[in-house]
N, C-alpha and C. Protein backbone atom coordinates (compact mmCIF):
# COMPACT_ATOMS: atom_id res chain seq x y z
N MET A 1 -50.46 66.03 -285.41
CA MET A 1 -51.73 66.69 -285.22
C MET A 1 -52.74 65.77 -284.54
N HIS A 2 -52.77 64.50 -284.97
CA HIS A 2 -53.71 63.55 -284.37
C HIS A 2 -53.38 63.30 -282.91
N LEU A 3 -52.11 63.28 -282.57
CA LEU A 3 -51.70 63.08 -281.20
C LEU A 3 -52.20 64.23 -280.33
N PHE A 4 -52.10 65.43 -280.84
CA PHE A 4 -52.58 66.61 -280.12
C PHE A 4 -54.08 66.51 -279.85
N VAL A 5 -54.86 66.11 -280.83
CA VAL A 5 -56.31 65.96 -280.67
C VAL A 5 -56.61 64.88 -279.64
N ALA A 6 -55.87 63.78 -279.69
CA ALA A 6 -56.07 62.69 -278.74
C ALA A 6 -55.76 63.15 -277.32
N ILE A 7 -54.68 63.90 -277.15
CA ILE A 7 -54.32 64.41 -275.83
C ILE A 7 -55.36 65.40 -275.34
N ALA A 8 -55.83 66.27 -276.22
CA ALA A 8 -56.86 67.25 -275.85
C ALA A 8 -58.15 66.55 -275.43
N LEU A 9 -58.50 65.51 -276.16
CA LEU A 9 -59.71 64.75 -275.83
C LEU A 9 -59.55 64.06 -274.48
N PHE A 10 -58.38 63.46 -274.25
CA PHE A 10 -58.12 62.82 -272.97
C PHE A 10 -58.20 63.81 -271.82
N LEU A 11 -57.61 64.99 -271.99
CA LEU A 11 -57.64 66.01 -270.94
C LEU A 11 -59.06 66.51 -270.70
N ALA A 12 -59.85 66.65 -271.78
CA ALA A 12 -61.23 67.09 -271.64
C ALA A 12 -62.05 66.07 -270.85
N LEU A 13 -61.83 64.79 -271.15
CA LEU A 13 -62.55 63.74 -270.43
C LEU A 13 -62.11 63.68 -268.97
N ALA A 14 -60.83 63.85 -268.74
CA ALA A 14 -60.31 63.85 -267.37
C ALA A 14 -60.87 65.03 -266.59
N ALA A 15 -60.94 66.19 -267.25
CA ALA A 15 -61.50 67.37 -266.59
C ALA A 15 -62.97 67.16 -266.29
N ARG A 16 -63.69 66.53 -267.21
CA ARG A 16 -65.11 66.26 -267.00
C ARG A 16 -65.29 65.39 -265.75
N GLY A 17 -64.42 64.39 -265.60
CA GLY A 17 -64.49 63.54 -264.42
C GLY A 17 -64.20 64.33 -263.15
N ALA A 18 -63.25 65.24 -263.23
CA ALA A 18 -62.90 66.06 -262.07
C ALA A 18 -64.05 66.98 -261.69
N GLU A 19 -64.89 67.37 -262.65
CA GLU A 19 -66.01 68.26 -262.37
C GLU A 19 -67.04 67.60 -261.48
N VAL A 20 -67.10 66.30 -261.51
CA VAL A 20 -68.08 65.56 -260.71
C VAL A 20 -67.81 65.74 -259.21
N GLU A 21 -66.56 65.81 -258.84
CA GLU A 21 -66.16 65.76 -257.44
C GLU A 21 -66.78 66.85 -256.56
N PRO A 22 -66.79 68.12 -256.96
CA PRO A 22 -67.38 69.13 -256.06
C PRO A 22 -68.86 68.89 -255.78
N TYR A 23 -69.60 68.47 -256.79
CA TYR A 23 -71.03 68.20 -256.60
C TYR A 23 -71.22 66.96 -255.72
N ALA A 24 -70.45 65.92 -256.02
CA ALA A 24 -70.56 64.69 -255.24
C ALA A 24 -70.18 64.92 -253.78
N THR A 25 -69.17 65.74 -253.56
CA THR A 25 -68.74 66.04 -252.19
C THR A 25 -69.82 66.81 -251.44
N SER A 26 -70.46 67.75 -252.11
CA SER A 26 -71.54 68.52 -251.47
C SER A 26 -72.69 67.61 -251.08
N ILE A 27 -73.03 66.68 -251.95
CA ILE A 27 -74.13 65.74 -251.66
C ILE A 27 -73.72 64.75 -250.57
N ALA A 28 -72.49 64.27 -250.64
CA ALA A 28 -72.02 63.27 -249.67
C ALA A 28 -72.14 63.77 -248.24
N SER A 29 -71.83 65.04 -248.01
CA SER A 29 -71.93 65.58 -246.65
C SER A 29 -73.38 65.62 -246.17
N LEU A 30 -74.32 65.69 -247.11
CA LEU A 30 -75.75 65.74 -246.77
C LEU A 30 -76.33 64.36 -246.47
N ILE A 31 -75.78 63.32 -247.11
CA ILE A 31 -76.39 61.99 -247.03
C ILE A 31 -75.57 60.97 -246.23
N ALA A 32 -74.45 61.39 -245.69
CA ALA A 32 -73.58 60.46 -244.95
C ALA A 32 -74.33 59.86 -243.76
N PRO A 33 -74.35 58.54 -243.64
CA PRO A 33 -75.06 57.91 -242.52
C PRO A 33 -74.63 58.42 -241.15
N THR A 34 -73.34 58.72 -240.99
CA THR A 34 -72.88 59.22 -239.70
C THR A 34 -73.49 60.58 -239.38
N ASN A 35 -73.68 61.41 -240.40
CA ASN A 35 -74.31 62.72 -240.20
C ASN A 35 -75.81 62.57 -239.97
N LEU A 36 -76.45 61.69 -240.72
CA LEU A 36 -77.89 61.49 -240.60
C LEU A 36 -78.27 60.97 -239.22
N ALA A 37 -77.39 60.15 -238.63
CA ALA A 37 -77.67 59.56 -237.32
C ALA A 37 -77.75 60.59 -236.21
N THR A 38 -77.21 61.78 -236.43
CA THR A 38 -77.20 62.81 -235.39
C THR A 38 -78.40 63.75 -235.49
N LEU A 39 -79.24 63.58 -236.51
CA LEU A 39 -80.33 64.52 -236.75
C LEU A 39 -81.56 64.19 -235.91
N GLY A 40 -82.34 65.23 -235.63
CA GLY A 40 -83.61 65.05 -234.94
C GLY A 40 -84.70 64.67 -235.94
N ALA A 41 -85.93 64.71 -235.48
CA ALA A 41 -87.08 64.33 -236.29
C ALA A 41 -87.13 65.16 -237.58
N ARG A 42 -87.30 64.46 -238.68
CA ARG A 42 -87.39 65.05 -240.02
C ARG A 42 -86.16 65.89 -240.39
N GLY A 43 -85.06 65.61 -239.74
CA GLY A 43 -83.85 66.38 -239.98
C GLY A 43 -83.26 66.21 -241.37
N ALA A 44 -83.56 65.07 -242.01
CA ALA A 44 -83.02 64.83 -243.35
C ALA A 44 -83.85 65.47 -244.44
N ASN A 45 -85.06 65.94 -244.11
CA ASN A 45 -85.92 66.51 -245.15
C ASN A 45 -85.26 67.64 -245.95
N PRO A 46 -84.66 68.64 -245.28
CA PRO A 46 -84.00 69.68 -246.06
C PRO A 46 -82.80 69.16 -246.85
N ARG A 47 -82.22 68.07 -246.40
CA ARG A 47 -81.08 67.49 -247.10
C ARG A 47 -81.48 66.88 -248.44
N ILE A 48 -82.72 66.40 -248.52
CA ILE A 48 -83.22 65.91 -249.80
C ILE A 48 -83.32 67.06 -250.78
N GLN A 49 -83.90 68.17 -250.33
CA GLN A 49 -84.03 69.35 -251.20
C GLN A 49 -82.64 69.82 -251.68
N LYS A 50 -81.70 69.90 -250.76
CA LYS A 50 -80.35 70.35 -251.11
C LYS A 50 -79.65 69.38 -252.05
N SER A 51 -79.82 68.08 -251.81
CA SER A 51 -79.20 67.08 -252.69
C SER A 51 -79.72 67.19 -254.11
N VAL A 52 -81.03 67.41 -254.25
CA VAL A 52 -81.62 67.58 -255.58
C VAL A 52 -81.06 68.83 -256.24
N TYR A 53 -80.91 69.89 -255.47
CA TYR A 53 -80.31 71.11 -256.02
C TYR A 53 -78.92 70.81 -256.60
N TRP A 54 -78.09 70.11 -255.84
CA TRP A 54 -76.72 69.83 -256.31
C TRP A 54 -76.72 68.92 -257.53
N LEU A 55 -77.63 67.95 -257.57
CA LEU A 55 -77.71 67.09 -258.76
C LEU A 55 -78.16 67.90 -259.98
N ALA A 56 -79.14 68.78 -259.79
CA ALA A 56 -79.62 69.61 -260.90
C ALA A 56 -78.52 70.55 -261.38
N THR A 57 -77.78 71.11 -260.45
CA THR A 57 -76.69 72.01 -260.81
C THR A 57 -75.59 71.27 -261.55
N SER A 58 -75.30 70.04 -261.11
CA SER A 58 -74.28 69.26 -261.81
C SER A 58 -74.72 68.94 -263.24
N ARG A 59 -76.00 68.67 -263.41
CA ARG A 59 -76.53 68.38 -264.75
C ARG A 59 -76.39 69.61 -265.65
N GLN A 60 -76.68 70.78 -265.10
CA GLN A 60 -76.53 72.02 -265.87
C GLN A 60 -75.08 72.26 -266.28
N ALA A 61 -74.16 71.77 -265.46
CA ALA A 61 -72.73 71.92 -265.75
C ALA A 61 -72.20 70.87 -266.72
N GLY A 62 -73.07 69.96 -267.14
CA GLY A 62 -72.68 68.94 -268.11
C GLY A 62 -72.30 67.60 -267.51
N CYS A 63 -72.47 67.45 -266.20
CA CYS A 63 -72.19 66.17 -265.56
C CYS A 63 -73.42 65.27 -265.67
N LYS A 64 -73.20 63.99 -265.53
CA LYS A 64 -74.31 63.03 -265.55
C LYS A 64 -74.74 62.76 -264.11
N PRO A 65 -75.98 63.10 -263.75
CA PRO A 65 -76.43 62.90 -262.37
C PRO A 65 -76.23 61.48 -261.84
N PRO A 66 -76.44 60.40 -262.63
CA PRO A 66 -76.17 59.08 -262.06
C PRO A 66 -74.72 58.91 -261.61
N VAL A 67 -73.80 59.50 -262.35
CA VAL A 67 -72.38 59.41 -261.98
C VAL A 67 -72.11 60.22 -260.72
N VAL A 68 -72.69 61.43 -260.66
CA VAL A 68 -72.51 62.29 -259.48
C VAL A 68 -73.09 61.60 -258.25
N ALA A 69 -74.30 61.05 -258.39
CA ALA A 69 -74.95 60.39 -257.25
C ALA A 69 -74.17 59.17 -256.80
N GLN A 70 -73.64 58.41 -257.75
CA GLN A 70 -72.86 57.23 -257.41
C GLN A 70 -71.61 57.62 -256.62
N ARG A 71 -70.94 58.64 -257.09
CA ARG A 71 -69.73 59.11 -256.39
C ARG A 71 -70.08 59.64 -255.01
N ALA A 72 -71.21 60.35 -254.90
CA ALA A 72 -71.64 60.89 -253.61
C ALA A 72 -71.89 59.78 -252.60
N VAL A 73 -72.52 58.71 -253.05
CA VAL A 73 -72.81 57.58 -252.15
C VAL A 73 -71.51 56.95 -251.66
N VAL A 74 -70.55 56.82 -252.55
CA VAL A 74 -69.24 56.27 -252.15
C VAL A 74 -68.57 57.20 -251.14
N LEU A 75 -68.53 58.49 -251.45
CA LEU A 75 -67.88 59.45 -250.56
C LEU A 75 -68.59 59.52 -249.21
N ALA A 76 -69.91 59.29 -249.21
CA ALA A 76 -70.69 59.36 -247.97
C ALA A 76 -70.41 58.19 -247.04
N GLY A 77 -69.81 57.13 -247.57
CA GLY A 77 -69.42 56.01 -246.73
C GLY A 77 -70.41 54.88 -246.63
N TYR A 78 -71.27 54.73 -247.64
CA TYR A 78 -72.19 53.59 -247.64
C TYR A 78 -71.39 52.34 -247.99
N THR A 79 -71.23 51.46 -247.03
CA THR A 79 -70.42 50.26 -247.25
C THR A 79 -71.27 49.06 -247.65
N ASN A 80 -72.54 49.07 -247.30
CA ASN A 80 -73.45 48.00 -247.70
C ASN A 80 -73.92 48.29 -249.13
N SER A 81 -73.67 47.39 -250.05
CA SER A 81 -73.98 47.66 -251.45
C SER A 81 -75.48 47.85 -251.68
N GLN A 82 -76.33 47.14 -250.93
CA GLN A 82 -77.78 47.32 -251.08
C GLN A 82 -78.20 48.70 -250.59
N ALA A 83 -77.65 49.14 -249.47
CA ALA A 83 -77.96 50.46 -248.94
C ALA A 83 -77.48 51.54 -249.90
N ALA A 84 -76.31 51.33 -250.48
CA ALA A 84 -75.77 52.29 -251.45
C ALA A 84 -76.67 52.38 -252.68
N GLN A 85 -77.11 51.24 -253.18
CA GLN A 85 -77.98 51.21 -254.36
C GLN A 85 -79.32 51.89 -254.09
N LEU A 86 -79.92 51.62 -252.94
CA LEU A 86 -81.20 52.24 -252.59
C LEU A 86 -81.07 53.75 -252.42
N THR A 87 -79.97 54.19 -251.84
CA THR A 87 -79.73 55.62 -251.65
C THR A 87 -79.50 56.30 -252.99
N TRP A 88 -78.70 55.69 -253.84
CA TRP A 88 -78.44 56.21 -255.19
C TRP A 88 -79.75 56.35 -255.96
N ALA A 89 -80.58 55.32 -255.92
CA ALA A 89 -81.86 55.34 -256.64
C ALA A 89 -82.78 56.43 -256.11
N ALA A 90 -82.79 56.63 -254.79
CA ALA A 90 -83.64 57.66 -254.19
C ALA A 90 -83.20 59.05 -254.62
N LEU A 91 -81.90 59.29 -254.68
CA LEU A 91 -81.41 60.59 -255.12
C LEU A 91 -81.87 60.89 -256.55
N LEU A 92 -81.73 59.92 -257.43
CA LEU A 92 -82.11 60.13 -258.83
C LEU A 92 -83.62 60.22 -258.99
N ARG A 93 -84.37 59.46 -258.21
CA ARG A 93 -85.84 59.52 -258.27
C ARG A 93 -86.32 60.91 -257.86
N ASN A 94 -85.70 61.48 -256.83
CA ASN A 94 -86.11 62.80 -256.37
C ASN A 94 -85.74 63.89 -257.36
N LEU A 95 -84.62 63.74 -258.03
CA LEU A 95 -84.27 64.68 -259.10
C LEU A 95 -85.31 64.60 -260.21
N ASP A 96 -85.70 63.40 -260.58
CA ASP A 96 -86.70 63.20 -261.63
C ASP A 96 -88.04 63.83 -261.24
N ILE A 97 -88.46 63.63 -260.01
CA ILE A 97 -89.73 64.20 -259.54
C ILE A 97 -89.70 65.72 -259.60
N ALA A 98 -88.63 66.30 -259.07
CA ALA A 98 -88.51 67.76 -259.07
C ALA A 98 -88.50 68.32 -260.49
N THR A 99 -87.84 67.60 -261.40
CA THR A 99 -87.77 68.02 -262.79
C THR A 99 -89.16 67.98 -263.43
N LYS A 100 -89.85 66.86 -263.29
CA LYS A 100 -91.17 66.70 -263.91
C LYS A 100 -92.19 67.69 -263.36
N LEU A 101 -92.07 68.03 -262.09
CA LEU A 101 -93.02 68.96 -261.49
C LEU A 101 -92.63 70.43 -261.70
N GLY A 102 -91.55 70.65 -262.45
CA GLY A 102 -91.15 72.01 -262.80
C GLY A 102 -90.58 72.81 -261.64
N CYS A 103 -90.02 72.14 -260.67
CA CYS A 103 -89.52 72.81 -259.47
C CYS A 103 -88.09 73.32 -259.59
N LEU A 104 -87.47 73.06 -260.74
CA LEU A 104 -86.06 73.44 -260.90
C LEU A 104 -85.89 74.70 -261.74
N ASP A 105 -86.88 75.59 -261.65
CA ASP A 105 -86.71 76.90 -262.27
C ASP A 105 -85.82 77.72 -261.33
N GLY A 106 -85.54 78.95 -261.69
CA GLY A 106 -84.63 79.77 -260.89
C GLY A 106 -85.05 79.90 -259.44
N ALA A 107 -86.32 80.24 -259.20
CA ALA A 107 -86.81 80.41 -257.83
C ALA A 107 -86.79 79.09 -257.07
N GLY A 108 -87.15 78.00 -257.75
CA GLY A 108 -87.16 76.69 -257.11
C GLY A 108 -85.77 76.26 -256.70
N GLU A 109 -84.80 76.51 -257.54
CA GLU A 109 -83.42 76.13 -257.21
C GLU A 109 -82.91 76.91 -256.01
N VAL A 110 -83.28 78.19 -255.93
CA VAL A 110 -82.87 78.99 -254.77
C VAL A 110 -83.43 78.39 -253.49
N GLU A 111 -84.71 78.02 -253.51
CA GLU A 111 -85.34 77.41 -252.34
C GLU A 111 -84.68 76.08 -251.98
N MET A 112 -84.46 75.25 -252.99
CA MET A 112 -83.89 73.93 -252.73
C MET A 112 -82.46 74.03 -252.21
N ARG A 113 -81.71 74.98 -252.70
CA ARG A 113 -80.34 75.14 -252.21
C ARG A 113 -80.34 75.46 -250.71
N ARG A 114 -81.37 76.15 -250.26
CA ARG A 114 -81.50 76.50 -248.85
C ARG A 114 -82.13 75.37 -248.02
N GLY A 115 -82.57 74.30 -248.71
CA GLY A 115 -83.22 73.21 -248.01
C GLY A 115 -84.70 73.45 -247.80
N HIS A 116 -85.26 74.38 -248.56
CA HIS A 116 -86.68 74.71 -248.45
C HIS A 116 -87.46 74.08 -249.60
N ALA A 117 -88.76 74.05 -249.43
CA ALA A 117 -89.63 73.46 -250.44
C ALA A 117 -89.89 74.44 -251.58
N PRO A 118 -89.61 74.03 -252.81
CA PRO A 118 -89.96 74.88 -253.95
C PRO A 118 -91.45 74.73 -254.25
N THR A 119 -91.94 75.53 -255.16
CA THR A 119 -93.34 75.47 -255.56
C THR A 119 -93.48 74.63 -256.82
N VAL A 120 -94.45 73.73 -256.81
CA VAL A 120 -94.73 72.90 -257.98
C VAL A 120 -95.25 73.80 -259.10
N GLN A 121 -94.68 73.66 -260.28
CA GLN A 121 -95.05 74.50 -261.43
C GLN A 121 -95.86 73.76 -262.49
N ASN A 122 -95.84 72.42 -262.45
CA ASN A 122 -96.52 71.62 -263.47
C ASN A 122 -97.50 70.64 -262.84
N GLY A 123 -98.55 70.32 -263.59
CA GLY A 123 -99.45 69.25 -263.19
C GLY A 123 -100.57 69.70 -262.27
N PRO A 124 -101.35 68.74 -261.78
CA PRO A 124 -102.53 69.05 -260.99
C PRO A 124 -102.23 69.68 -259.63
N TYR A 125 -100.98 69.56 -259.17
CA TYR A 125 -100.62 70.12 -257.87
C TYR A 125 -99.91 71.47 -258.01
N LYS A 126 -100.03 72.08 -259.16
CA LYS A 126 -99.37 73.37 -259.41
C LYS A 126 -99.73 74.38 -258.32
N GLY A 127 -98.70 75.06 -257.83
CA GLY A 127 -98.89 76.07 -256.79
C GLY A 127 -98.66 75.55 -255.38
N GLN A 128 -98.55 74.24 -255.21
CA GLN A 128 -98.30 73.67 -253.89
C GLN A 128 -96.81 73.57 -253.61
N ALA A 129 -96.49 73.47 -252.34
CA ALA A 129 -95.11 73.23 -251.94
C ALA A 129 -94.74 71.79 -252.25
N LEU A 130 -93.48 71.59 -252.62
CA LEU A 130 -92.97 70.23 -252.86
C LEU A 130 -92.35 69.74 -251.56
N SER A 131 -93.09 68.94 -250.83
CA SER A 131 -92.66 68.49 -249.51
C SER A 131 -91.86 67.18 -249.61
N VAL A 132 -91.36 66.74 -248.48
CA VAL A 132 -90.63 65.47 -248.41
C VAL A 132 -91.52 64.46 -247.68
N ASP A 133 -91.75 63.35 -248.33
CA ASP A 133 -92.60 62.28 -247.79
C ASP A 133 -91.74 61.12 -247.32
N HIS A 134 -92.19 60.47 -246.27
CA HIS A 134 -91.60 59.20 -245.84
C HIS A 134 -92.38 58.10 -246.53
N ILE A 135 -91.77 57.38 -247.43
CA ILE A 135 -92.47 56.33 -248.17
C ILE A 135 -93.04 55.32 -247.18
N VAL A 136 -92.18 54.78 -246.33
CA VAL A 136 -92.65 53.99 -245.18
C VAL A 136 -92.87 55.02 -244.08
N PRO A 137 -94.10 55.24 -243.66
CA PRO A 137 -94.40 56.34 -242.72
C PRO A 137 -93.58 56.27 -241.44
N ARG A 138 -93.13 57.44 -241.01
CA ARG A 138 -92.34 57.51 -239.78
C ARG A 138 -93.18 57.11 -238.56
N ALA A 139 -94.50 57.25 -238.65
CA ALA A 139 -95.37 56.83 -237.55
C ALA A 139 -95.33 55.32 -237.36
N VAL A 140 -95.03 54.60 -238.43
CA VAL A 140 -94.98 53.13 -238.37
C VAL A 140 -93.57 52.65 -238.08
N ALA A 141 -92.58 53.27 -238.72
CA ALA A 141 -91.17 52.87 -238.54
C ALA A 141 -90.33 54.13 -238.30
N PRO A 142 -90.34 54.65 -237.07
CA PRO A 142 -89.61 55.88 -236.77
C PRO A 142 -88.11 55.80 -237.08
N GLU A 143 -87.56 54.60 -237.06
CA GLU A 143 -86.12 54.46 -237.33
C GLU A 143 -85.75 54.83 -238.76
N LEU A 144 -86.75 54.90 -239.64
CA LEU A 144 -86.51 55.28 -241.05
C LEU A 144 -86.69 56.78 -241.29
N ASP A 145 -86.88 57.53 -240.22
CA ASP A 145 -87.15 58.97 -240.33
C ASP A 145 -86.12 59.69 -241.19
N ASN A 146 -84.85 59.42 -240.97
CA ASN A 146 -83.79 60.13 -241.68
C ASN A 146 -82.98 59.23 -242.61
N VAL A 147 -83.62 58.20 -243.12
CA VAL A 147 -82.98 57.30 -244.09
C VAL A 147 -83.29 57.82 -245.49
N ILE A 148 -82.27 58.24 -246.22
CA ILE A 148 -82.45 58.86 -247.54
C ILE A 148 -83.26 57.97 -248.48
N ALA A 149 -83.04 56.68 -248.44
CA ALA A 149 -83.74 55.76 -249.34
C ALA A 149 -85.24 55.71 -249.06
N ASN A 150 -85.68 56.23 -247.92
CA ASN A 150 -87.10 56.23 -247.56
C ASN A 150 -87.76 57.59 -247.80
N LEU A 151 -87.02 58.54 -248.32
CA LEU A 151 -87.55 59.90 -248.49
C LEU A 151 -87.80 60.21 -249.96
N GLU A 152 -88.96 60.80 -250.21
CA GLU A 152 -89.36 61.09 -251.59
C GLU A 152 -90.10 62.42 -251.66
N LEU A 153 -89.78 63.21 -252.66
CA LEU A 153 -90.47 64.48 -252.87
C LEU A 153 -91.90 64.21 -253.31
N LEU A 154 -92.83 64.99 -252.76
CA LEU A 154 -94.25 64.80 -253.05
C LEU A 154 -94.97 66.12 -252.80
N PRO A 155 -95.89 66.50 -253.68
CA PRO A 155 -96.67 67.72 -253.42
C PRO A 155 -97.35 67.63 -252.06
N LEU A 156 -97.45 68.74 -251.38
CA LEU A 156 -97.90 68.77 -249.99
C LEU A 156 -99.26 68.10 -249.78
N LYS A 157 -100.25 68.41 -250.60
CA LYS A 157 -101.59 67.82 -250.39
C LYS A 157 -101.56 66.30 -250.59
N ALA A 158 -100.80 65.82 -251.54
CA ALA A 158 -100.68 64.37 -251.75
C ALA A 158 -100.00 63.73 -250.54
N ASN A 159 -99.03 64.41 -249.97
CA ASN A 159 -98.33 63.91 -248.80
C ASN A 159 -99.28 63.86 -247.60
N GLU A 160 -100.03 64.93 -247.40
CA GLU A 160 -100.93 64.99 -246.25
C GLU A 160 -102.04 63.94 -246.34
N SER A 161 -102.48 63.62 -247.56
CA SER A 161 -103.56 62.65 -247.71
C SER A 161 -103.10 61.21 -247.52
N LYS A 162 -101.79 61.00 -247.56
CA LYS A 162 -101.23 59.65 -247.46
C LYS A 162 -101.33 59.07 -246.06
N ASN A 163 -101.16 59.90 -245.06
CA ASN A 163 -101.18 59.48 -243.65
C ASN A 163 -100.19 58.36 -243.40
N ALA A 164 -100.58 57.37 -242.57
CA ALA A 164 -99.66 56.29 -242.21
C ALA A 164 -100.07 54.98 -242.85
N LYS A 165 -100.53 55.06 -244.07
CA LYS A 165 -100.99 53.86 -244.77
C LYS A 165 -99.81 53.01 -245.24
N ILE A 166 -100.01 51.71 -245.18
CA ILE A 166 -99.02 50.77 -245.68
C ILE A 166 -99.68 49.94 -246.78
N GLY A 167 -99.09 50.00 -247.96
CA GLY A 167 -99.56 49.20 -249.08
C GLY A 167 -98.42 48.36 -249.61
N ALA A 168 -98.62 47.83 -250.80
CA ALA A 168 -97.61 46.95 -251.40
C ALA A 168 -96.29 47.67 -251.61
N ARG A 169 -96.33 48.95 -252.03
CA ARG A 169 -95.09 49.69 -252.27
C ARG A 169 -94.29 49.86 -250.99
N GLN A 170 -94.97 50.23 -249.92
CA GLN A 170 -94.29 50.43 -248.64
C GLN A 170 -93.70 49.12 -248.13
N LEU A 171 -94.45 48.04 -248.25
CA LEU A 171 -93.94 46.74 -247.79
C LEU A 171 -92.74 46.30 -248.61
N ASP A 172 -92.81 46.51 -249.92
CA ASP A 172 -91.68 46.14 -250.79
C ASP A 172 -90.43 46.92 -250.41
N LEU A 173 -90.58 48.22 -250.19
CA LEU A 173 -89.42 49.02 -249.79
C LEU A 173 -88.92 48.58 -248.42
N ALA A 174 -89.83 48.30 -247.50
CA ALA A 174 -89.42 47.85 -246.17
C ALA A 174 -88.58 46.57 -246.25
N LYS A 175 -88.98 45.65 -247.13
CA LYS A 175 -88.19 44.42 -247.33
C LYS A 175 -86.79 44.75 -247.81
N LYS A 176 -86.70 45.68 -248.77
CA LYS A 176 -85.38 46.07 -249.30
C LYS A 176 -84.55 46.77 -248.24
N LEU A 177 -85.18 47.65 -247.47
CA LEU A 177 -84.46 48.35 -246.41
C LEU A 177 -84.00 47.38 -245.33
N ARG A 178 -84.81 46.39 -245.04
CA ARG A 178 -84.42 45.35 -244.07
C ARG A 178 -83.22 44.58 -244.59
N GLY A 179 -83.26 44.18 -245.87
CA GLY A 179 -82.15 43.46 -246.48
C GLY A 179 -80.87 44.26 -246.53
N ALA A 180 -81.01 45.60 -246.59
CA ALA A 180 -79.85 46.48 -246.66
C ALA A 180 -79.34 46.88 -245.28
N GLY A 181 -79.99 46.39 -244.25
CA GLY A 181 -79.55 46.72 -242.89
C GLY A 181 -79.99 48.10 -242.44
N LEU A 182 -80.94 48.70 -243.13
CA LEU A 182 -81.41 50.04 -242.79
C LEU A 182 -82.68 50.02 -241.95
N LEU A 183 -83.26 48.83 -241.77
CA LEU A 183 -84.48 48.66 -240.99
C LEU A 183 -84.33 47.41 -240.12
N SER A 184 -84.63 47.55 -238.86
CA SER A 184 -84.53 46.40 -237.94
C SER A 184 -85.66 45.41 -238.19
N GLN A 185 -85.51 44.22 -237.65
CA GLN A 185 -86.58 43.22 -237.75
C GLN A 185 -87.84 43.72 -237.04
N LYS A 186 -87.66 44.37 -235.91
CA LYS A 186 -88.80 44.93 -235.18
C LYS A 186 -89.53 45.97 -236.04
N GLY A 187 -88.76 46.82 -236.69
CA GLY A 187 -89.36 47.82 -237.57
C GLY A 187 -90.09 47.18 -238.74
N PHE A 188 -89.47 46.17 -239.32
CA PHE A 188 -90.12 45.47 -240.42
C PHE A 188 -91.42 44.81 -239.99
N ASN A 189 -91.41 44.22 -238.81
CA ASN A 189 -92.62 43.59 -238.27
C ASN A 189 -93.74 44.62 -238.09
N ALA A 190 -93.37 45.81 -237.67
CA ALA A 190 -94.36 46.87 -237.48
C ALA A 190 -94.97 47.28 -238.82
N VAL A 191 -94.14 47.35 -239.84
CA VAL A 191 -94.64 47.67 -241.19
C VAL A 191 -95.56 46.57 -241.68
N ASN A 192 -95.12 45.36 -241.55
CA ASN A 192 -95.90 44.20 -242.03
C ASN A 192 -97.25 44.11 -241.32
N ALA A 193 -97.28 44.45 -240.04
CA ALA A 193 -98.53 44.38 -239.26
C ALA A 193 -99.54 45.41 -239.72
N LYS A 194 -99.09 46.50 -240.32
CA LYS A 194 -99.97 47.60 -240.76
C LYS A 194 -100.45 47.42 -242.20
N LEU A 195 -100.00 46.38 -242.88
CA LEU A 195 -100.36 46.18 -244.30
C LEU A 195 -101.87 46.03 -244.43
N LYS A 196 -102.43 46.76 -245.39
CA LYS A 196 -103.88 46.70 -245.63
C LYS A 196 -104.16 46.03 -246.95
């Protein structure tokens, strides 16, 4: 009897691991560097919305989003460990933002699955669209336009008020992106020159 329980537990855990793959595969196709390189201006923005949808859906299915995101980054082909870590962290940060702002209700999930902006349901920005912000502004470092690690969900009015400002957070991320090979020295210099 104990052997049967052990085998059942092993199979359940194995099946749980197998459940990660469809979600991770869906996200990987959205965040793969080779795919992102072919996009036009702001082309990755809808991919952030879709990636959050898949992470939220995996969580509802009982998967752990950090595990799903980690597998997605591997499947997407991130070979630089720093780039992989920054991308993984960005995926989870965006899931957290969407969750806290109440954007993962039924209507919000439908919008995000389509790559559209859901409506913020919680907090001072309630009723606004949840847009995609470039942490390091694309006006300063256009090469980061479609870099997942540089994209963050933000209520529309907060995004619009940000403009092309560079502060300590942007400079810190630029240093990390430079170290990960996601930002050129020229791009980093442009960010550094705009620091206020």
